[in-house]
Protein backbone atom coordinates (compact mmCIF):
# COMPACT_ATOMS: atom_id res chain seq x y z
CA UNK A 1 0.00 0.00 0.00
CA UNK A 2 1.49 3.29 -1.12
CA UNK A 3 1.03 6.80 0.35
CA UNK A 4 1.99 9.98 -1.52
CA UNK A 5 3.10 12.81 0.79
CA UNK A 6 2.90 16.12 -1.09
CA UNK A 7 4.89 19.06 0.30
CA UNK A 8 6.47 22.25 -0.96
CA UNK A 9 7.19 24.75 1.80
CA UNK A 10 8.95 25.07 5.17
CA UNK A 11 5.85 24.59 7.38
CA UNK A 12 4.95 21.43 5.46
CA UNK A 13 8.40 19.90 5.95
CA UNK A 14 7.99 20.48 9.70
CA UNK A 15 4.63 18.66 9.69
CA UNK A 16 5.98 15.92 7.44
CA UNK A 17 8.85 15.01 9.80
CA UNK A 18 7.04 13.20 12.66
CA UNK A 19 4.38 11.69 10.39
CA UNK A 20 6.85 10.19 7.93
CA UNK A 21 8.68 8.51 10.83
CA UNK A 22 5.42 6.90 11.98
CA UNK A 23 4.31 5.53 8.63
CA UNK A 24 7.53 4.65 6.79
CA UNK A 25 7.88 1.20 8.38
CA UNK A 26 4.28 0.22 7.59
CA UNK A 27 3.57 1.64 4.15
CA UNK A 28 5.50 2.45 0.99
CA UNK A 29 5.99 6.22 1.11
CA UNK A 30 6.53 8.49 -1.89
CA UNK A 31 7.54 12.06 -0.99
CA UNK A 32 6.76 14.60 -3.69
CA UNK A 33 8.32 18.06 -3.25
CA UNK A 34 6.83 20.65 -5.58
CA UNK A 35 9.89 22.87 -5.15
CA UNK A 36 7.83 25.83 -3.93
CA UNK A 37 10.51 26.59 -1.34
CA UNK A 38 13.76 25.97 -3.17
CA UNK A 39 16.43 27.86 -1.20
CA UNK A 40 18.74 25.37 0.56
CA UNK A 41 18.07 26.97 3.96
CA UNK A 42 14.32 26.74 3.41
CA UNK A 43 14.25 23.26 1.87
CA UNK A 44 17.20 20.82 1.86
CA UNK A 45 18.41 21.83 5.32
CA UNK A 46 14.94 21.18 6.77
CA UNK A 47 14.94 17.63 5.43
CA UNK A 48 18.34 17.11 7.06
CA UNK A 49 17.39 18.72 10.39
CA UNK A 50 14.17 16.72 10.62
CA UNK A 51 15.77 13.44 9.44
CA UNK A 52 13.33 13.20 6.54
CA UNK A 53 14.41 11.03 3.58
CA UNK A 54 15.22 12.98 0.43
CA UNK A 55 12.12 13.53 -1.74
CA UNK A 56 11.55 10.92 -4.42
CA UNK A 57 10.49 13.75 -6.72
CA UNK A 58 11.39 17.45 -6.73
CA UNK A 59 9.32 19.23 -9.35
CA UNK A 60 11.33 22.46 -9.13
CA UNK A 61 8.28 24.74 -9.44
CA UNK A 62 9.00 27.98 -7.58
CA UNK A 63 8.32 30.89 -9.91
CA UNK A 64 5.35 32.67 -11.44
CA UNK A 65 2.20 34.26 -10.07
CA UNK A 66 -0.21 32.14 -8.03
CA UNK A 67 -2.23 30.90 -11.00
CA UNK A 68 0.80 30.06 -13.11
CA UNK A 69 2.60 28.33 -10.26
CA UNK A 70 -0.44 26.29 -9.26
CA UNK A 71 -1.09 25.38 -12.90
CA UNK A 72 2.45 24.04 -13.35
CA UNK A 73 2.09 22.02 -10.16
CA UNK A 74 -1.18 20.50 -11.39
CA UNK A 75 0.45 19.36 -14.63
CA UNK A 76 3.54 17.84 -13.02
CA UNK A 77 1.80 16.31 -9.99
CA UNK A 78 -0.70 14.58 -12.25
CA UNK A 79 2.15 12.91 -14.14
CA UNK A 80 3.78 11.70 -10.93
CA UNK A 81 0.60 10.42 -9.29
CA UNK A 82 -0.59 8.64 -12.44
CA UNK A 83 2.77 6.90 -12.57
CA UNK A 84 2.94 6.00 -8.87
CA UNK A 85 -0.77 5.11 -8.36
CA UNK A 86 -0.82 5.69 -4.57
CA UNK A 87 -3.67 4.36 -2.44
CA UNK A 88 -3.73 7.61 -0.44
CA UNK A 89 -2.53 11.19 -0.84
CA UNK A 90 -1.68 13.48 2.08
CA UNK A 91 -1.42 17.27 1.82
CA UNK A 92 -0.46 19.74 4.54
CA UNK A 93 -1.36 23.32 5.39
CA UNK A 94 -2.44 26.04 3.00
CA UNK A 95 0.07 26.71 0.21
CA UNK A 96 -0.24 26.43 -3.56
CA UNK A 97 1.30 22.97 -3.16
CA UNK A 98 -1.60 22.02 -0.86
CA UNK A 99 -4.17 23.24 -3.35
CA UNK A 100 -2.54 21.53 -6.31
CA UNK A 101 -2.13 18.24 -4.44
CA UNK A 102 -5.76 18.25 -3.32
CA UNK A 103 -7.09 18.97 -6.81
CA UNK A 104 -4.94 16.39 -8.57
CA UNK A 105 -5.77 13.63 -6.09
CA UNK A 106 -9.46 14.52 -6.36
CA UNK A 107 -9.43 14.39 -10.16
CA UNK A 108 -7.57 11.04 -10.12
CA UNK A 109 -9.96 9.62 -7.47
CA UNK A 110 -7.14 9.13 -4.97
CA UNK A 111 -8.44 9.48 -1.38
CA UNK A 112 -6.94 12.56 0.29
CA UNK A 113 -6.11 13.54 3.85
CA UNK A 114 -5.74 17.26 4.54
CA UNK A 115 -3.61 17.85 7.62
CA UNK A 116 -4.31 21.16 9.40
CA UNK A 117 -7.88 21.29 8.13
CA UNK A 118 -10.50 23.77 9.26
CA UNK A 119 -8.35 26.85 9.74
CA UNK A 120 -10.00 30.09 8.71
CA UNK A 121 -8.78 33.68 8.83
CA UNK A 122 -12.01 34.83 7.12
CA UNK A 123 -9.92 37.05 4.86
CA UNK A 124 -10.31 35.85 1.28
CA UNK A 125 -7.73 38.34 0.06
CA UNK A 126 -5.17 35.91 1.49
CA UNK A 127 -4.27 33.24 -1.09
CA UNK A 128 -3.85 30.80 1.79
CA UNK A 129 -7.51 31.19 2.77
CA UNK A 130 -8.69 30.07 -0.67
CA UNK A 131 -6.23 27.17 -0.61
CA UNK A 132 -7.54 26.01 2.79
CA UNK A 133 -11.19 26.15 1.79
CA UNK A 134 -10.75 24.32 -1.51
CA UNK A 135 -8.51 21.67 0.04
CA UNK A 136 -10.98 21.01 2.84
CA UNK A 137 -13.89 20.65 0.43
CA UNK A 138 -12.05 18.35 -1.98
CA UNK A 139 -10.39 16.12 0.65
CA UNK A 140 -11.88 12.88 1.94
CA UNK A 141 -10.45 13.04 5.46
CA UNK A 142 -9.79 16.18 7.49
CA UNK A 143 -7.26 16.10 10.33
CA UNK A 144 -8.07 19.14 12.40
CA UNK A 145 -5.65 20.79 14.87
CA UNK A 146 -8.03 22.60 17.25
CA UNK A 147 -11.60 22.78 18.53
CA UNK A 148 -12.04 26.10 16.72
CA UNK A 149 -11.03 24.49 13.44
CA UNK A 150 -13.56 21.71 14.06
CA UNK A 151 -16.27 24.32 14.60
CA UNK A 152 -15.36 25.95 11.29
CA UNK A 153 -15.69 22.60 9.52
CA UNK A 154 -19.05 21.97 11.16
CA UNK A 155 -20.35 25.33 9.90
CA UNK A 156 -19.32 24.35 6.38
CA UNK A 157 -20.99 20.94 6.54
CA UNK A 158 -17.71 19.02 6.67
CA UNK A 159 -17.76 17.64 10.21
CA UNK A 160 -18.62 14.08 9.08
CA UNK A 161 -15.17 13.64 7.55
CA UNK A 162 -13.26 15.56 10.25
CA UNK A 163 -11.13 14.23 13.11
CA UNK A 164 -9.67 16.32 15.93
CA UNK A 165 -6.05 15.14 16.02
CA UNK A 166 -4.25 18.14 17.48
CA UNK A 167 -1.42 19.94 15.73
CA UNK A 168 1.48 17.83 14.52
CA UNK A 169 3.90 20.76 14.91
CA UNK A 170 3.79 19.99 18.64
CA UNK A 171 5.46 16.66 17.90
CA UNK A 172 8.07 18.34 15.70
CA UNK A 173 9.02 20.81 18.42
CA UNK A 174 9.10 18.28 21.24
CA UNK A 175 11.12 15.85 19.11
CA UNK A 176 13.73 18.47 18.25
CA UNK A 177 14.00 21.02 21.07
CA UNK A 178 16.78 19.13 22.87
CA UNK A 179 18.59 18.42 19.59
CA UNK A 180 18.46 22.12 18.75
CA UNK A 181 19.90 23.04 22.13
CA UNK A 182 22.74 20.55 21.72
CA UNK A 183 23.55 20.95 18.02
CA UNK A 184 22.88 24.60 17.20
CA UNK A 185 25.27 27.40 18.13
CA UNK A 186 23.45 30.09 16.18
CA UNK A 187 22.82 32.36 19.17
CA UNK A 188 26.52 32.57 19.92
CA UNK A 189 27.52 32.68 16.23
CA UNK A 190 25.27 35.70 15.62
CA UNK A 191 26.61 37.49 18.70
CA UNK A 192 23.20 37.51 20.39
CA UNK A 193 22.64 37.72 24.13
CA UNK A 194 20.09 35.13 25.32
CA UNK A 195 16.78 36.62 26.48
CA UNK A 196 17.87 40.08 25.24
CA UNK A 197 16.76 40.01 21.58
CA UNK A 198 13.56 39.81 19.53
CA UNK A 199 13.17 37.30 16.69
CA UNK A 200 11.27 38.50 13.61
CA UNK A 201 9.95 36.88 10.43
CA UNK A 202 7.96 38.60 7.68
CA UNK A 203 6.73 37.13 4.41
CA UNK A 204 3.05 38.00 3.87
CA UNK A 205 2.58 39.88 0.56
CA UNK A 206 0.75 42.79 2.18
CA UNK A 207 3.70 43.35 4.52
CA UNK A 208 6.66 42.77 2.22
CA UNK A 209 5.68 43.09 -1.45
CA UNK A 210 4.98 46.82 -1.16
CA UNK A 211 8.33 48.53 -0.43
CA UNK A 212 6.54 51.49 1.18
CA UNK A 213 4.83 49.21 3.70
CA UNK A 214 7.99 47.22 4.38
CA UNK A 215 9.99 50.42 4.87
CA UNK A 216 7.34 51.69 7.31
CA UNK A 217 7.59 48.48 9.36
CA UNK A 218 11.40 48.65 9.49
CA UNK A 219 11.37 52.34 10.39
CA UNK A 220 8.95 51.81 13.26
CA UNK A 221 10.93 48.84 14.53
CA UNK A 222 14.03 51.06 14.72
CA UNK A 223 12.44 52.55 17.85
CA UNK A 224 12.44 49.22 19.67
CA UNK A 225 15.02 49.35 22.45
CA UNK A 226 16.37 45.85 21.83
CA UNK A 227 18.19 44.02 19.06
CA UNK A 228 16.01 42.25 16.49
CA UNK A 229 17.32 39.32 14.47
CA UNK A 230 15.54 39.00 11.16
CA UNK A 231 16.08 35.85 9.04
CA UNK A 232 14.94 37.20 5.69
CA UNK A 233 12.68 35.29 3.31
CA UNK A 234 14.14 35.36 -0.25
CA UNK A 235 11.15 37.32 -1.59
CA UNK A 236 11.48 39.89 1.19
CA UNK A 237 15.21 40.16 0.58
CA UNK A 238 14.61 40.92 -3.10
CA UNK A 239 12.19 43.74 -2.27
CA UNK A 240 14.70 45.21 0.18
CA UNK A 241 17.56 45.02 -2.31
CA UNK A 242 15.60 46.26 -5.33
CA UNK A 243 14.38 49.30 -3.43
CA UNK A 244 17.56 49.98 -1.41
CA UNK A 245 15.61 50.01 1.85
CA UNK A 246 17.43 51.37 4.88
CA UNK A 247 17.96 48.75 7.57
CA UNK A 248 17.88 50.16 11.13
CA UNK A 249 20.94 49.59 13.31
CA UNK A 250 19.01 47.47 15.82
CA UNK A 251 17.94 44.97 13.13
CA UNK A 252 20.39 42.17 12.36
CA UNK A 253 19.66 40.61 8.99
CA UNK A 254 20.30 36.91 8.43
CA UNK A 255 19.85 34.45 5.60
CA UNK A 256 17.03 31.95 6.21
CA UNK A 257 18.08 29.38 8.79
CA UNK A 258 17.40 25.68 9.24
CA UNK A 259 14.84 24.21 11.60
CA UNK A 260 17.17 23.46 14.52
CA UNK A 261 18.76 26.91 14.31
CA UNK A 262 15.34 28.54 14.18
CA UNK A 263 14.06 26.66 17.23
CA UNK A 264 17.19 27.78 19.08
CA UNK A 265 16.57 31.41 18.10
CA UNK A 266 12.94 31.14 19.23
CA UNK A 267 13.87 29.50 22.53
CA UNK A 268 16.34 32.21 23.56
CA UNK A 269 14.39 35.26 22.34
CA UNK A 270 12.48 37.73 24.51
CA UNK A 271 9.51 37.88 22.14
CA UNK A 272 8.68 36.88 18.57
CA UNK A 273 7.42 39.29 15.90
CA UNK A 274 5.90 37.60 12.88
CA UNK A 275 3.19 37.43 10.24
CA UNK A 276 3.47 33.63 9.93
CA UNK A 277 0.71 31.31 11.09
CA UNK A 278 3.07 28.48 11.95
CA UNK A 279 5.38 30.65 14.00
CA UNK A 280 2.45 31.95 16.04
CA UNK A 281 1.91 28.34 17.09
CA UNK A 282 5.59 27.69 17.74
CA UNK A 283 5.75 30.79 19.92
CA UNK A 284 2.78 29.56 21.97
CA UNK A 285 4.19 26.06 22.42
CA UNK A 286 7.57 27.50 23.46
CA UNK A 287 5.84 29.97 25.81
CA UNK A 288 7.14 33.05 24.00
CA UNK A 289 5.03 36.22 23.73
CA UNK A 290 4.07 36.71 20.08
CA UNK A 291 3.33 39.96 18.25
CA UNK A 292 1.60 39.34 14.92
CA UNK A 293 1.75 42.06 12.28
CA UNK A 294 -1.59 41.18 10.71
CA UNK A 295 -5.20 42.35 10.99
CA UNK A 296 -6.45 38.78 11.59
CA UNK A 297 -5.20 35.30 12.38
CA UNK A 298 -6.29 31.73 11.72
CA UNK A 299 -4.85 30.86 15.15
CA UNK A 300 -7.33 32.98 17.11
CA UNK A 301 -6.96 30.69 20.16
CA UNK A 302 -3.47 32.06 20.79
CA UNK A 303 -4.93 35.58 20.95
CA UNK A 304 -7.81 34.55 23.21
CA UNK A 305 -5.33 32.82 25.52
CA UNK A 306 -3.43 36.12 25.86
CA UNK A 307 -0.12 34.92 24.36
CA UNK A 308 -0.47 36.58 20.95
CA UNK A 309 -1.47 40.12 20.02
CA UNK A 310 -2.40 41.45 16.57
CA UNK A 311 -0.90 44.82 15.67
CA UNK A 312 -1.47 47.28 12.84
CA UNK A 313 1.67 48.92 11.53
CA UNK A 314 -0.36 52.09 10.95
CA UNK A 315 -1.23 52.37 14.62
CA UNK A 316 0.39 55.08 16.74
CA UNK A 317 0.64 52.44 19.47
CA UNK A 318 2.63 49.97 17.32
CA UNK A 319 5.98 50.25 19.12
CA UNK A 320 4.47 50.52 22.59
CA UNK A 321 2.35 47.41 22.01
CA UNK A 322 5.42 45.40 21.03
CA UNK A 323 7.52 46.55 23.96
CA UNK A 324 4.85 46.26 26.67
CA UNK A 325 2.98 43.14 25.59
CA UNK A 326 3.00 40.39 28.22
CA UNK A 327 0.94 37.18 28.32
CA UNK A 328 -2.12 37.76 30.45
CA UNK A 329 -2.66 34.23 31.77
CA UNK A 330 -1.33 30.69 32.05
CA UNK A 331 -1.56 28.46 29.00
CA UNK A 332 -4.10 25.78 28.21
CA UNK A 333 -3.26 22.78 26.04
CA UNK A 334 -4.46 24.11 22.68
CA UNK A 335 -2.64 21.80 20.31
CA UNK A 336 -2.65 18.32 21.86
CA UNK A 337 0.02 15.66 22.35
CA UNK A 338 1.15 12.50 20.53
CA UNK A 339 -0.46 13.89 17.42
CA UNK A 340 1.47 11.82 14.87
CA UNK A 341 0.36 8.64 16.65
CA UNK A 342 -3.31 9.70 16.45
CA UNK A 343 -2.89 10.40 12.75
CA UNK A 344 -1.14 7.08 12.17
CA UNK A 345 -3.91 5.16 13.96
CA UNK A 346 -6.50 6.73 11.65
CA UNK A 347 -4.38 6.15 8.53
CA UNK A 348 -4.14 2.46 9.39
CA UNK A 349 -7.95 2.27 9.51
CA UNK A 350 -8.25 4.12 6.21
CA UNK A 351 -5.75 1.86 4.44
């Protein structure tokens, strides 16, 4: 019995890690990498850090607008899946790779599991929101990370095929936090003082594609009284270079870093500033205050729990919010435990 695992971006590699370990000894596994994230530090290094076998296929599709990129993925994924004839396809998250994998499996009548189903930001201007909705409605089995996600699926009439598994990124973090502490020296190598710096990531189009907006964010962050390390997404780096944006003295730029290095940076930071959904979760699990530069979030539980705050870069209170934000209460278990095992148990029943 063969399972096709379709991935393409950093957050999907993180989710793939613990699941692939669970299923590889019981089923034939074919890993298909669309190539959406192609930079070594955002792709190959993650496979190494997470001890994931090299992909059986790398489609090398990483350019073009959303429609063009997704279209290329549809064409190439169809060829692979028709050749491999898997009994089950698994897609992760909310990228163009997720959408393409869901559509191709659906058209070829290959049963599909969507991992991280039911998330909704309710902002359809986000490409990820469309990808989530379509993937949920075309998939046969929905592995949902939270109660809120289950409620979203129920509202859309999808609860019959949904299972509350918890979030598999919990397993990834718990499996690798000690390894990161032992193997990564990035904090020392970057000259950072533990518990004295902020960690920042930015990649959402509305924050980084417009150089005026990105410049405004950087300018406001120059007023933060602590050092900020900023591993820069390749797309963000291009915007900064093409427009000769001024980088404030308190912001330390870095190339993208591998998974173990990134966990180490998260673990020793004061707070995390981001616009990434996955990093909002990682911050919560690692008990780090998170400031999200977005008007909404699909991980609303982290906000309700008081460990994440949404900020508008246009607000006069932007800097003060970042510097003064503190979690307002103790944490509840939002994302579960032993998630990969729960998923594996269900996959065995499906197969």
